[in-house]
C-alpha atoms as a PDB file:
ATOM      1  CA  MET A   1     112.251  90.465  73.998  1.00  0.00           C
ATOM      2  CA  THR A   2     112.996  94.097  74.817  1.00  0.00           C
ATOM      3  CA  ASN A   3     114.635  95.333  77.985  1.00  0.00           C
ATOM      4  CA  SER A   4     111.533  97.458  78.553  1.00  0.00           C
ATOM      5  CA  THR A   5     109.342  94.351  78.763  1.00  0.00           C
ATOM      6  CA  ILE A   6     111.721  92.585  81.157  1.00  0.00           C
ATOM      7  CA  ASP A   7     111.880  95.711  83.303  1.00  0.00           C
ATOM      8  CA  LYS A   8     108.082  95.765  83.560  1.00  0.00           C
ATOM      9  CA  ILE A   9     107.999  92.056  84.412  1.00  0.00           C
ATOM     10  CA  LYS A  10     110.643  92.493  87.108  1.00  0.00           C
ATOM     11  CA  THR A  11     108.949  95.525  88.637  1.00  0.00           C
ATOM     12  CA  LEU A  12     105.474  94.031  88.688  1.00  0.00           C
ATOM     13  CA  THR A  13     106.330  90.493  89.796  1.00  0.00           C
ATOM     14  CA  GLU A  14     108.483  91.722  92.672  1.00  0.00           C
ATOM     15  CA  MET A  15     105.806  94.177  93.811  1.00  0.00           C
ATOM     16  CA  HIS A  16     103.692  93.460  96.906  1.00  0.00           C
ATOM     17  CA  GLY A  17     100.036  92.976  95.965  1.00  0.00           C
ATOM     18  CA  ALA A  18      98.036  90.513  98.051  1.00  0.00           C
ATOM     19  CA  PRO A  19      94.221  90.434  97.625  1.00  0.00           C
ATOM     20  CA  ASN A  20      92.636  93.648  98.921  1.00  0.00           C
ATOM     21  CA  PHE A  21      96.090  95.270  99.128  1.00  0.00           C
ATOM     22  CA  GLU A  22      96.769  95.907  95.434  1.00  0.00           C
ATOM     23  CA  HIS A  23      97.402  99.660  95.717  1.00  0.00           C
ATOM     24  CA  ARG A  24     101.083  99.585  94.737  1.00  0.00           C
ATOM     25  CA  VAL A  25     100.322  97.675  91.552  1.00  0.00           C
ATOM     26  CA  ARG A  26      97.454 100.038  90.736  1.00  0.00           C
ATOM     27  CA  GLU A  27      99.599 103.145  91.230  1.00  0.00           C
ATOM     28  CA  TYR A  28     102.361 101.798  88.993  1.00  0.00           C
ATOM     29  CA  MET A  29      99.975 100.721  86.244  1.00  0.00           C
ATOM     30  CA  LYS A  30      98.134 104.027  86.190  1.00  0.00           C
ATOM     31  CA  LYS A  31     101.403 105.915  85.930  1.00  0.00           C
ATOM     32  CA  MET A  32     102.560 103.742  83.022  1.00  0.00           C
ATOM     33  CA  MET A  33      99.187 103.879  81.219  1.00  0.00           C
ATOM     34  CA  ALA A  34      98.512 107.599  81.572  1.00  0.00           C
ATOM     35  CA  PRO A  35     100.239 108.691  78.313  1.00  0.00           C
ATOM     36  CA  TYR A  36      98.118 106.276  76.254  1.00  0.00           C
ATOM     37  CA  VAL A  37      94.570 106.777  77.575  1.00  0.00           C
ATOM     38  CA  ASP A  38      92.058 109.613  77.620  1.00  0.00           C
ATOM     39  CA  GLU A  39      90.840 109.015  81.155  1.00  0.00           C
ATOM     40  CA  PHE A  40      90.598 106.500  83.992  1.00  0.00           C
ATOM     41  CA  VAL A  41      87.474 105.023  85.538  1.00  0.00           C
ATOM     42  CA  ASP A  42      87.546 103.315  88.924  1.00  0.00           C
ATOM     43  CA  ASP A  43      85.244 100.974  90.808  1.00  0.00           C
ATOM     44  CA  ARG A  44      84.810 101.165  94.562  1.00  0.00           C
ATOM     45  CA  MET A  45      86.630  97.907  95.261  1.00  0.00           C
ATOM     46  CA  GLY A  46      89.934  99.130  93.837  1.00  0.00           C
ATOM     47  CA  GLY A  47      89.803  98.066  90.202  1.00  0.00           C
ATOM     48  CA  PHE A  48      90.516 100.591  87.466  1.00  0.00           C
ATOM     49  CA  TYR A  49      90.420 100.962  83.677  1.00  0.00           C
ATOM     50  CA  GLY A  50      92.188 103.317  81.303  1.00  0.00           C
ATOM     51  CA  VAL A  51      89.868 104.399  78.482  1.00  0.00           C
ATOM     52  CA  LYS A  52      91.071 104.930  74.915  1.00  0.00           C
ATOM     53  CA  ARG A  53      88.181 106.782  73.277  1.00  0.00           C
ATOM     54  CA  SER A  54      87.165 106.200  69.662  1.00  0.00           C
ATOM     55  CA  GLY A  55      85.445 109.561  69.292  1.00  0.00           C
ATOM     56  CA  ARG A  56      82.238 107.856  68.138  1.00  0.00           C
ATOM     57  CA  PRO A  57      78.937 108.714  69.827  1.00  0.00           C
ATOM     58  CA  ASN A  58      77.424 105.804  71.759  1.00  0.00           C
ATOM     59  CA  ALA A  59      80.493 103.730  70.962  1.00  0.00           C
ATOM     60  CA  LYS A  60      80.699 100.022  71.700  1.00  0.00           C
ATOM     61  CA  ARG A  61      82.913  99.091  74.651  1.00  0.00           C
ATOM     62  CA  VAL A  62      85.657  96.455  74.563  1.00  0.00           C
ATOM     63  CA  MET A  63      87.174  95.429  77.899  1.00  0.00           C
ATOM     64  CA  VAL A  64      90.644  93.965  78.475  1.00  0.00           C
ATOM     65  CA  ALA A  65      90.812  92.724  82.061  1.00  0.00           C
ATOM     66  CA  ALA A  66      93.813  91.615  84.098  1.00  0.00           C
ATOM     67  CA  HIS A  67      93.868  91.191  87.863  1.00  0.00           C
ATOM     68  CA  MET A  68      96.383  92.836  90.156  1.00  0.00           C
ATOM     69  CA  ASP A  69      96.346  90.541  93.161  1.00  0.00           C
ATOM     70  CA  GLU A  70      98.556  87.542  93.882  1.00  0.00           C
ATOM     71  CA  ILE A  71      98.201  84.749  96.411  1.00  0.00           C
ATOM     72  CA  GLY A  72      99.348  85.737  99.870  1.00  0.00           C
ATOM     73  CA  PHE A  73      98.721  85.477 103.589  1.00  0.00           C
ATOM     74  CA  MET A  74      97.198  87.556 106.394  1.00  0.00           C
ATOM     75  CA  ILE A  75      98.570  87.764 109.922  1.00  0.00           C
ATOM     76  CA  THR A  76      96.169  86.365 112.513  1.00  0.00           C
ATOM     77  CA  GLU A  77      98.235  86.045 115.724  1.00  0.00           C
ATOM     78  CA  VAL A  78     101.616  86.788 117.292  1.00  0.00           C
ATOM     79  CA  THR A  79     102.816  84.215 119.827  1.00  0.00           C
ATOM     80  CA  PRO A  80     104.486  85.101 123.149  1.00  0.00           C
ATOM     81  CA  GLN A  81     107.745  83.758 121.659  1.00  0.00           C
ATOM     82  CA  GLY A  82     107.623  86.275 118.791  1.00  0.00           C
ATOM     83  CA  PHE A  83     106.405  84.017 115.987  1.00  0.00           C
ATOM     84  CA  ILE A  84     103.705  85.126 113.553  1.00  0.00           C
ATOM     85  CA  LYS A  85     100.718  82.956 112.619  1.00  0.00           C
ATOM     86  CA  PHE A  86      98.772  83.544 109.417  1.00  0.00           C
ATOM     87  CA  THR A  87      95.996  82.391 107.116  1.00  0.00           C
ATOM     88  CA  ALA A  88      95.930  82.024 103.336  1.00  0.00           C
ATOM     89  CA  LEU A  89      94.602  84.575 100.865  1.00  0.00           C
ATOM     90  CA  GLY A  90      93.866  82.512  97.769  1.00  0.00           C
ATOM     91  CA  GLY A  91      94.434  78.882  96.906  1.00  0.00           C
ATOM     92  CA  VAL A  92      97.777  77.597  98.161  1.00  0.00           C
ATOM     93  CA  ALA A  93      99.122  74.129  98.904  1.00  0.00           C
ATOM     94  CA  ASN A  94      99.992  73.414 102.542  1.00  0.00           C
ATOM     95  CA  ASP A  95     103.239  71.545 101.969  1.00  0.00           C
ATOM     96  CA  ILE A  96     105.480  74.047 100.144  1.00  0.00           C
ATOM     97  CA  TRP A  97     105.966  76.914 102.593  1.00  0.00           C
ATOM     98  CA  GLN A  98     108.254  75.592 105.333  1.00  0.00           C
ATOM     99  CA  GLY A  99     111.678  77.205 105.090  1.00  0.00           C
ATOM    100  CA  GLN A 100     110.503  79.822 102.569  1.00  0.00           C
ATOM    101  CA  ARG A 101     110.802  83.590 102.927  1.00  0.00           C
ATOM    102  CA  LEU A 102     107.712  85.767 103.190  1.00  0.00           C
ATOM    103  CA  LYS A 103     107.565  89.548 103.047  1.00  0.00           C
ATOM    104  CA  ILE A 104     105.187  91.482 105.312  1.00  0.00           C
ATOM    105  CA  MET A 105     103.827  94.858 104.266  1.00  0.00           C
ATOM    106  CA  THR A 106     102.939  97.007 107.275  1.00  0.00           C
ATOM    107  CA  GLN A 107     100.289  99.715 107.235  1.00  0.00           C
ATOM    108  CA  GLN A 108     103.112 102.240 107.113  1.00  0.00           C
ATOM    109  CA  GLY A 109     104.335 100.655 103.865  1.00  0.00           C
ATOM    110  CA  GLU A 110     107.452  99.060 105.330  1.00  0.00           C
ATOM    111  CA  GLU A 111     108.429  95.597 104.098  1.00  0.00           C
ATOM    112  CA  ILE A 112     109.701  93.093 106.686  1.00  0.00           C
ATOM    113  CA  ILE A 113     111.087  89.717 105.629  1.00  0.00           C
ATOM    114  CA  GLY A 114     110.841  86.524 107.657  1.00  0.00           C
ATOM    115  CA  VAL A 115     111.385  82.778 107.323  1.00  0.00           C
ATOM    116  CA  VAL A 116     108.629  80.191 107.714  1.00  0.00           C
ATOM    117  CA  ALA A 117     109.601  77.829 110.543  1.00  0.00           C
ATOM    118  CA  ASN A 118     110.905  74.425 109.490  1.00  0.00           C
ATOM    119  CA  ILE A 119     111.764  71.469 111.729  1.00  0.00           C
ATOM    120  CA  PRO A 120     115.298  70.207 110.925  1.00  0.00           C
ATOM    121  CA  LYS A 121     115.715  66.509 110.196  1.00  0.00           C
ATOM    122  CA  HIS A 122     117.589  66.109 113.473  1.00  0.00           C
ATOM    123  CA  PHE A 123     114.378  66.817 115.435  1.00  0.00           C
ATOM    124  CA  ARG A 124     111.906  64.881 113.294  1.00  0.00           C
ATOM    125  CA  SER A 125     110.226  61.710 114.485  1.00  0.00           C
ATOM    126  CA  GLY A 126     109.266  60.540 111.000  1.00  0.00           C
ATOM    127  CA  ASN A 127     105.562  60.741 111.770  1.00  0.00           C
ATOM    128  CA  GLU A 128     105.037  64.403 110.895  1.00  0.00           C
ATOM    129  CA  GLN A 129     102.167  65.356 108.621  1.00  0.00           C
ATOM    130  CA  ALA A 130     102.176  68.340 106.272  1.00  0.00           C
ATOM    131  CA  PRO A 131     101.024  71.208 108.506  1.00  0.00           C
ATOM    132  CA  ARG A 132      97.974  73.304 107.790  1.00  0.00           C
ATOM    133  CA  ILE A 133      98.681  76.900 106.783  1.00  0.00           C
ATOM    134  CA  GLU A 134      97.202  77.999 110.108  1.00  0.00           C
ATOM    135  CA  ASP A 135      99.799  75.872 111.940  1.00  0.00           C
ATOM    136  CA  LEU A 136     102.800  77.493 110.255  1.00  0.00           C
ATOM    137  CA  LEU A 137     104.903  80.157 111.960  1.00  0.00           C
ATOM    138  CA  LEU A 138     106.871  83.071 110.492  1.00  0.00           C
ATOM    139  CA  ASP A 139     110.146  83.964 112.184  1.00  0.00           C
ATOM    140  CA  ILE A 140     111.253  87.597 111.742  1.00  0.00           C
ATOM    141  CA  GLY A 141     114.028  87.332 114.302  1.00  0.00           C
ATOM    142  CA  GLU A 142     112.198  88.636 117.371  1.00  0.00           C
ATOM    143  CA  SER A 143     112.074  86.849 120.738  1.00  0.00           C
ATOM    144  CA  ASP A 144     108.696  88.045 122.006  1.00  0.00           C
ATOM    145  CA  ALA A 145     105.420  89.584 120.843  1.00  0.00           C
ATOM    146  CA  ASP A 146     106.426  93.092 121.929  1.00  0.00           C
ATOM    147  CA  GLY A 147     109.405  92.941 119.590  1.00  0.00           C
ATOM    148  CA  VAL A 148     107.125  92.072 116.675  1.00  0.00           C
ATOM    149  CA  PHE A 149     104.594  94.805 117.397  1.00  0.00           C
ATOM    150  CA  SER A 150     107.332  97.383 117.970  1.00  0.00           C
ATOM    151  CA  ARG A 151     108.263  97.048 114.285  1.00  0.00           C
ATOM    152  CA  GLY A 152     104.854  98.306 113.179  1.00  0.00           C
ATOM    153  CA  ILE A 153     103.356  94.888 112.488  1.00  0.00           C
ATOM    154  CA  GLN A 154      99.634  94.505 113.220  1.00  0.00           C
ATOM    155  CA  ILE A 155      97.054  91.744 113.079  1.00  0.00           C
ATOM    156  CA  GLY A 156      95.564  91.864 109.563  1.00  0.00           C
ATOM    157  CA  ASP A 157      98.795  92.851 107.795  1.00  0.00           C
ATOM    158  CA  VAL A 158      99.518  90.816 104.681  1.00  0.00           C
ATOM    159  CA  MET A 159     102.460  88.835 103.347  1.00  0.00           C
ATOM    160  CA  VAL A 160     103.592  87.552  99.967  1.00  0.00           C
ATOM    161  CA  PRO A 161     106.597  85.435  98.948  1.00  0.00           C
ATOM    162  CA  HIS A 162     109.926  87.245  98.914  1.00  0.00           C
ATOM    163  CA  THR A 163     111.194  86.384  95.428  1.00  0.00           C
ATOM    164  CA  GLU A 164     113.211  88.223  92.778  1.00  0.00           C
ATOM    165  CA  LEU A 165     112.883  87.694  89.031  1.00  0.00           C
ATOM    166  CA  LEU A 166     115.450  85.144  87.870  1.00  0.00           C
ATOM    167  CA  GLN A 167     116.431  84.311  84.293  1.00  0.00           C
ATOM    168  CA  LEU A 168     116.961  80.556  84.109  1.00  0.00           C
ATOM    169  CA  SER A 169     117.824  80.143  80.415  1.00  0.00           C
ATOM    170  CA  GLU A 170     117.458  82.015  77.150  1.00  0.00           C
ATOM    171  CA  TYR A 171     113.660  81.970  77.231  1.00  0.00           C
ATOM    172  CA  ARG A 172     112.637  80.845  80.708  1.00  0.00           C
ATOM    173  CA  TYR A 173     112.287  82.845  83.892  1.00  0.00           C
ATOM    174  CA  ALA A 174     111.237  82.279  87.496  1.00  0.00           C
ATOM    175  CA  ALA A 175     109.220  84.802  89.502  1.00  0.00           C
ATOM    176  CA  LYS A 176     106.460  85.078  92.048  1.00  0.00           C
ATOM    177  CA  ALA A 177     103.088  86.483  90.994  1.00  0.00           C
ATOM    178  CA  TRP A 178     103.339  85.768  87.251  1.00  0.00           C
ATOM    179  CA  ASP A 179      99.718  84.907  88.036  1.00  0.00           C
ATOM    180  CA  ASN A 180      98.718  87.526  87.254  1.00  0.00           C
ATOM    181  CA  ARG A 181     101.295  90.230  86.710  1.00  0.00           C
ATOM    182  CA  TYR A 182     101.444  88.643  83.247  1.00  0.00           C
ATOM    183  CA  GLY A 183      98.070  90.248  82.623  1.00  0.00           C
ATOM    184  CA  CYS A 184      99.245  93.576  84.029  1.00  0.00           C
ATOM    185  CA  VAL A 185     102.296  93.631  81.747  1.00  0.00           C
ATOM    186  CA  ILE A 186     100.338  92.716  78.625  1.00  0.00           C
ATOM    187  CA  ALA A 187      97.727  95.371  79.435  1.00  0.00           C
ATOM    188  CA  LEU A 188     100.432  98.037  79.557  1.00  0.00           C
ATOM    189  CA  GLU A 189     102.082  96.871  76.365  1.00  0.00           C
ATOM    190  CA  LEU A 190      98.789  96.585  74.486  1.00  0.00           C
ATOM    191  CA  LEU A 191      98.178 100.304  75.016  1.00  0.00           C
ATOM    192  CA  GLU A 192     101.732 101.088  73.903  1.00  0.00           C
ATOM    193  CA  GLN A 193     101.171  99.065  70.718  1.00  0.00           C
ATOM    194  CA  LEU A 194      97.919 100.888  69.950  1.00  0.00           C
ATOM    195  CA  LYS A 195      99.049 104.413  70.810  1.00  0.00           C
ATOM    196  CA  ASP A 196      98.838 105.717  67.228  1.00  0.00           C
ATOM    197  CA  GLU A 197      95.700 103.821  66.177  1.00  0.00           C
ATOM    198  CA  THR A 198      92.073 104.898  66.100  1.00  0.00           C
ATOM    199  CA  LEU A 199      89.628 102.123  66.909  1.00  0.00           C
ATOM    200  CA  ASP A 200      85.949 101.658  66.031  1.00  0.00           C
ATOM    201  CA  PHE A 201      85.079 101.280  69.717  1.00  0.00           C
ATOM    202  CA  ASP A 202      86.066 102.595  73.114  1.00  0.00           C
ATOM    203  CA  LEU A 203      88.774 100.398  74.597  1.00  0.00           C
ATOM    204  CA  TYR A 204      88.856  99.837  78.360  1.00  0.00           C
ATOM    205  CA  VAL A 205      92.148  98.341  79.554  1.00  0.00           C
ATOM    206  CA  GLY A 206      92.774  97.732  83.230  1.00  0.00           C
ATOM    207  CA  ALA A 207      92.863  95.357  86.159  1.00  0.00           C
ATOM    208  CA  ASN A 208      90.614  94.020  88.885  1.00  0.00           C
ATOM    209  CA  VAL A 209      91.177  93.249  92.546  1.00  0.00           C
ATOM    210  CA  GLN A 210      90.588  90.109  94.613  1.00  0.00           C
ATOM    211  CA  GLU A 211      90.521  87.556  91.800  1.00  0.00           C
ATOM    212  CA  GLU A 212      92.425  85.034  93.890  1.00  0.00           C
ATOM    213  CA  VAL A 213      89.747  85.003  96.585  1.00  0.00           C
ATOM    214  CA  GLY A 214      86.744  84.374  94.365  1.00  0.00           C
ATOM    215  CA  LEU A 215      86.616  86.656  91.286  1.00  0.00           C
ATOM    216  CA  ARG A 216      85.203  89.384  93.529  1.00  0.00           C
ATOM    217  CA  GLY A 217      86.578  92.486  91.864  1.00  0.00           C
ATOM    218  CA  ALA A 218      85.519  91.379  88.378  1.00  0.00           C
ATOM    219  CA  GLU A 219      81.848  91.698  89.268  1.00  0.00           C
ATOM    220  CA  ALA A 220      82.239  95.357  90.214  1.00  0.00           C
ATOM    221  CA  ALA A 221      84.440  96.058  87.182  1.00  0.00           C
ATOM    222  CA  ALA A 222      81.954  94.521  84.750  1.00  0.00           C
ATOM    223  CA  ARG A 223      79.196  96.748  86.128  1.00  0.00           C
ATOM    224  CA  LEU A 224      81.485  99.761  85.847  1.00  0.00           C
ATOM    225  CA  VAL A 225      82.555  99.184  82.240  1.00  0.00           C
ATOM    226  CA  ASP A 226      79.384  97.489  80.938  1.00  0.00           C
ATOM    227  CA  PRO A 227      81.356  95.940  78.041  1.00  0.00           C
ATOM    228  CA  ASP A 228      80.000  94.631  74.754  1.00  0.00           C
ATOM    229  CA  VAL A 229      82.947  92.217  74.427  1.00  0.00           C
ATOM    230  CA  ALA A 230      85.658  91.285  76.930  1.00  0.00           C
ATOM    231  CA  PHE A 231      89.128  89.774  76.857  1.00  0.00           C
ATOM    232  CA  VAL A 232      90.599  88.396  80.072  1.00  0.00           C
ATOM    233  CA  VAL A 233      94.392  88.070  80.338  1.00  0.00           C
ATOM    234  CA  ASP A 234      95.479  85.622  83.021  1.00  0.00           C
ATOM    235  CA  CYS A 235      98.119  82.995  83.830  1.00  0.00           C
ATOM    236  CA  SER A 236      97.218  79.316  84.239  1.00  0.00           C
ATOM    237  CA  PRO A 237      99.010  76.261  85.680  1.00  0.00           C
ATOM    238  CA  ALA A 238     101.144  74.129  83.376  1.00  0.00           C
ATOM    239  CA  ASN A 239     101.315  70.385  84.002  1.00  0.00           C
ATOM    240  CA  ASP A 240     104.075  69.416  81.584  1.00  0.00           C
ATOM    241  CA  MET A 241     106.886  68.018  83.734  1.00  0.00           C
ATOM    242  CA  LYS A 242     106.323  64.564  82.188  1.00  0.00           C
ATOM    243  CA  GLY A 243     105.264  65.844  78.788  1.00  0.00           C
ATOM    244  CA  ARG A 244     101.850  66.984  77.695  1.00  0.00           C
ATOM    245  CA  GLN A 245      99.087  65.865  80.070  1.00  0.00           C
ATOM    246  CA  GLY A 246      95.883  66.397  78.122  1.00  0.00           C
ATOM    247  CA  LEU A 247      94.922  70.022  77.554  1.00  0.00           C
ATOM    248  CA  SER A 248      96.861  71.367  80.522  1.00  0.00           C
ATOM    249  CA  GLY A 249      99.475  73.618  78.917  1.00  0.00           C
ATOM    250  CA  VAL A 250     103.103  73.154  77.870  1.00  0.00           C
ATOM    251  CA  LEU A 251     105.772  75.812  78.318  1.00  0.00           C
ATOM    252  CA  GLY A 252     107.073  77.239  75.060  1.00  0.00           C
ATOM    253  CA  GLU A 253     104.173  76.038  72.893  1.00  0.00           C
ATOM    254  CA  GLY A 254     102.351  79.344  72.720  1.00  0.00           C
ATOM    255  CA  ALA A 255      99.479  81.232  74.278  1.00  0.00           C
ATOM    256  CA  LEU A 256      96.438  79.460  75.713  1.00  0.00           C
ATOM    257  CA  LEU A 257      93.058  79.170  74.022  1.00  0.00           C
ATOM    258  CA  ARG A 258      90.941  78.422  77.113  1.00  0.00           C
ATOM    259  CA  ILE A 259      87.908  76.547  75.809  1.00  0.00           C
ATOM    260  CA  LYS A 260      86.504  75.360  79.155  1.00  0.00           C
ATOM    261  CA  ASP A 261      87.057  75.901  82.838  1.00  0.00           C
ATOM    262  CA  GLY A 262      85.143  75.698  86.083  1.00  0.00           C
ATOM    263  CA  THR A 263      83.471  79.070  85.554  1.00  0.00           C
ATOM    264  CA  MET A 264      83.064  79.648  81.797  1.00  0.00           C
ATOM    265  CA  LEU A 265      82.704  78.037  78.371  1.00  0.00           C
ATOM    266  CA  LEU A 266      84.133  79.839  75.343  1.00  0.00           C
ATOM    267  CA  LYS A 267      81.428  80.807  72.828  1.00  0.00           C
ATOM    268  CA  PRO A 268      81.894  79.018  69.481  1.00  0.00           C
ATOM    269  CA  ALA A 269      81.820  82.300  67.537  1.00  0.00           C
ATOM    270  CA  PHE A 270      84.571  83.745  69.755  1.00  0.00           C
ATOM    271  CA  LYS A 271      86.649  80.592  69.359  1.00  0.00           C
ATOM    272  CA  THR A 272      86.386  80.840  65.570  1.00  0.00           C
ATOM    273  CA  PHE A 273      87.314  84.528  65.664  1.00  0.00           C
ATOM    274  CA  LEU A 274      90.435  83.895  67.770  1.00  0.00           C
ATOM    275  CA  GLN A 275      91.554  80.966  65.643  1.00  0.00           C
ATOM    276  CA  ASP A 276      91.167  83.030  62.468  1.00  0.00           C
ATOM    277  CA  VAL A 277      93.241  85.848  63.953  1.00  0.00           C
ATOM    278  CA  ALA A 278      95.924  83.387  65.088  1.00  0.00           C
ATOM    279  CA  LEU A 279      96.089  81.814  61.641  1.00  0.00           C
ATOM    280  CA  ARG A 280      96.411  85.156  59.850  1.00  0.00           C
ATOM    281  CA  HIS A 281      99.126  86.392  62.190  1.00  0.00           C
ATOM    282  CA  ASP A 282     100.990  83.100  62.669  1.00  0.00           C
ATOM    283  CA  VAL A 283     100.343  83.054  66.423  1.00  0.00           C
ATOM    284  CA  ALA A 284     101.423  79.924  68.293  1.00  0.00           C
ATOM    285  CA  TYR A 285      98.640  78.757  70.593  1.00  0.00           C
ATOM    286  CA  GLN A 286      97.435  75.640  72.403  1.00  0.00           C
ATOM    287  CA  HIS A 287      93.998  74.549  73.562  1.00  0.00           C
ATOM    288  CA  TYR A 288      93.536  74.610  77.320  1.00  0.00           C
ATOM    289  CA  ILE A 289      91.028  73.264  79.860  1.00  0.00           C
ATOM    290  CA  SER A 290      91.128  74.061  83.578  1.00  0.00           C
ATOM    291  CA  PRO A 291      89.121  73.017  86.639  1.00  0.00           C
ATOM    292  CA  GLY A 292      89.709  76.504  88.028  1.00  0.00           C
ATOM    293  CA  GLY A 293      88.493  79.814  86.661  1.00  0.00           C
ATOM    294  CA  THR A 294      89.391  83.398  85.812  1.00  0.00           C
ATOM    295  CA  ASP A 295      87.677  86.770  86.037  1.00  0.00           C
ATOM    296  CA  GLY A 296      85.963  85.745  82.816  1.00  0.00           C
ATOM    297  CA  GLY A 297      83.693  83.601  84.968  1.00  0.00           C
ATOM    298  CA  ALA A 298      82.184  86.728  86.500  1.00  0.00           C
ATOM    299  CA  ILE A 299      82.439  89.068  83.512  1.00  0.00           C
ATOM    300  CA  HIS A 300      80.683  86.859  80.958  1.00  0.00           C
ATOM    301  CA  LYS A 301      77.552  86.654  83.143  1.00  0.00           C
ATOM    302  CA  ALA A 302      77.301  90.403  83.746  1.00  0.00           C
ATOM    303  CA  ASN A 303      74.234  92.383  82.712  1.00  0.00           C
ATOM    304  CA  ILE A 304      72.598  90.527  79.789  1.00  0.00           C
ATOM    305  CA  GLY A 305      75.789  88.568  79.027  1.00  0.00           C
ATOM    306  CA  VAL A 306      79.204  89.554  77.705  1.00  0.00           C
ATOM    307  CA  PRO A 307      81.051  87.500  75.062  1.00  0.00           C
ATOM    308  CA  THR A 308      84.334  86.820  76.854  1.00  0.00           C
ATOM    309  CA  ALA A 309      87.563  85.063  75.922  1.00  0.00           C
ATOM    310  CA  VAL A 310      90.707  84.376  77.919  1.00  0.00           C
ATOM    311  CA  ILE A 311      94.051  84.922  76.184  1.00  0.00           C
ATOM    312  CA  GLY A 312      96.440  83.371  78.653  1.00  0.00           C
ATOM    313  CA  VAL A 313      99.843  81.860  79.219  1.00  0.00           C
ATOM    314  CA  CYS A 314     100.810  78.890  81.345  1.00  0.00           C
ATOM    315  CA  ALA A 315     103.474  78.626  84.009  1.00  0.00           C
ATOM    316  CA  ARG A 316     104.761  75.855  86.222  1.00  0.00           C
ATOM    317  CA  TYR A 317     104.359  75.983  90.009  1.00  0.00           C
ATOM    318  CA  ILE A 318     101.938  78.937  90.163  1.00  0.00           C
ATOM    319  CA  HIS A 319     100.591  79.908  93.593  1.00  0.00           C
ATOM    320  CA  SER A 320     104.030  79.258  95.091  1.00  0.00           C
ATOM    321  CA  THR A 321     107.244  81.179  95.738  1.00  0.00           C
ATOM    322  CA  ASP A 322     108.478  80.727  92.135  1.00  0.00           C
ATOM    323  CA  ALA A 323     106.546  80.222  88.916  1.00  0.00           C
ATOM    324  CA  VAL A 324     108.549  79.194  85.851  1.00  0.00           C
ATOM    325  CA  PHE A 325     107.370  80.645  82.539  1.00  0.00           C
ATOM    326  CA  ASP A 326     108.552  80.893  78.935  1.00  0.00           C
ATOM    327  CA  ILE A 327     108.810  84.400  77.522  1.00  0.00           C
ATOM    328  CA  ARG A 328     107.927  83.131  74.028  1.00  0.00           C
ATOM    329  CA  ASP A 329     104.461  82.321  75.320  1.00  0.00           C
ATOM    330  CA  TYR A 330     104.115  85.918  76.472  1.00  0.00           C
ATOM    331  CA  GLN A 331     105.188  87.162  73.045  1.00  0.00           C
ATOM    332  CA  ALA A 332     102.585  84.939  71.371  1.00  0.00           C
ATOM    333  CA  ALA A 333      99.844  86.156  73.722  1.00  0.00           C
ATOM    334  CA  LYS A 334     100.775  89.802  73.151  1.00  0.00           C
ATOM    335  CA  LEU A 335     100.670  89.386  69.376  1.00  0.00           C
ATOM    336  CA  TRP A 336      97.342  87.533  69.589  1.00  0.00           C
ATOM    337  CA  LEU A 337      95.665  90.070  71.865  1.00  0.00           C
ATOM    338  CA  THR A 338      96.912  93.069  69.873  1.00  0.00           C
ATOM    339  CA  ALA A 339      95.861  91.553  66.541  1.00  0.00           C
ATOM    340  CA  SER A 340      92.458  90.592  67.961  1.00  0.00           C
ATOM    341  CA  ILE A 341      91.784  94.153  69.129  1.00  0.00           C
ATOM    342  CA  GLN A 342      92.940  95.528  65.781  1.00  0.00           C
ATOM    343  CA  THR A 343      90.696  93.089  63.903  1.00  0.00           C
ATOM    344  CA  LEU A 344      87.526  93.856  65.852  1.00  0.00           C
ATOM    345  CA  ASN A 345      84.939  96.086  64.220  1.00  0.00           C
ATOM    346  CA  LEU A 346      81.289  96.841  64.896  1.00  0.00           C
ATOM    347  CA  GLU A 347      80.034  94.005  62.701  1.00  0.00           C
ATOM    348  CA  THR A 348      82.320  91.486  64.409  1.00  0.00           C
ATOM    349  CA  ILE A 349      81.305  92.667  67.865  1.00  0.00           C
ATOM    350  CA  GLU A 350      77.624  92.170  67.047  1.00  0.00           C
ATOM    351  CA  ARG A 351      78.329  88.730  65.628  1.00  0.00           C
ATOM    352  CA  LEU A 352      80.192  87.729  68.805  1.00  0.00           C
ATOM    353  CA  GLN A 353      77.286  88.972  70.894  1.00  0.00           C
ATOM    354  CA  TYR A 354      74.455  87.137  69.189  1.00  0.00           C
ATOM    355  CA  GLN A 355      75.910  84.036  67.532  1.00  0.00           C
END
C-alpha cells in the first residue's frame, strides 16, 4: 500500500462531512480529480461527477458512484447550563456515544470539540437504561448557554465523531467515516489508474450527498448522469467477531460481491461479468447480503432502469467513532473496479442492460 493511498485515507476519513454538509469532501475530491477529467457536472443537491470523455459521438455512459456523507448529529438545543442537545443524522445505535468526543462544525467553518456526558459509576443507581440520542448532552466546557453561542455555535450546526486514523497492525486500521470515504478514495485512485487509457464510453466518477439519510442524493445524481451502467462503491458492516456469520463479511477476505440487500438485487448477467473479471485478475472477493442498502437502490431504478453493481468492502463497527478495516480488502476492491472498467465495451454494456 502506497503512502499516497494512506494519505488520502487519512485526509478523507478525518474530514468533517455530515449529511447535507459535505462541502469540504467535495472540494478536496474535485481538486484531486481535476488533472484526470475533462469536466465536472454537478447536481443541485451537492453531488458531483468528473467526466472522462471517450471522444465518441453519443457515447454510452458508465457511472462510478461513491457518497461523501458520514453519520453525524445536528444540534437542536442548548441548555441553560451550557450543554448541547442533538439529534442523529443517519442510523446510529443509542448506547455507544456516552463519553465519546464529537466535533462541531460552525457556519464559520470552525471546529469545536466536546465530550458526550457520561454518568460515572459512583452516581449510578443500577437501573439506568441506554439513553435515546435526543437525551444525550455534549459538554464543550461552557457553563451557560451564552458561553456556547458566543463561540459561534448555532442551532442546526452539525457534529461528527472526533477520530484520527490509527494503524492497528500491518494491514488493519481504525478510522471514522470509512463508510463511505472508502468510496471517495477508490474513486480518486480509479481515475489515477486510468489516466493514460482511452475508453469506449464516457466515464462519470464522483460522489453523492445524503446517502446516510435515505439515498437522497443518488436520485438526483442518476438523473444528472443518466448512466447506461453503474458501479456503486460503498462500505458495509462486517459481523465476523466470532467467525463468519453467514454472508455478512469477514475482514481480510477480499472485496464484497453484494448479491442482495434491502434495496437492490444484483442482475445475474452483472454477477457473471464481475465473477469473470475477478477470476481473470485473481481478485479476492466474498459474497455479501445486507438488510440495509446503498445508493445502488436508487440508481438502479432510475429512468428505464440502470444495471448496477456494488463493489464494496466491509468494516467492523461502522456508524460509530471507529470502524476497523483491512487494507487488503481495499486493494482487492480497487483491482476489481479498475479491471471491470477496463473490461467493459459497448457489447458488454448492452448485454448487461438487456439480459
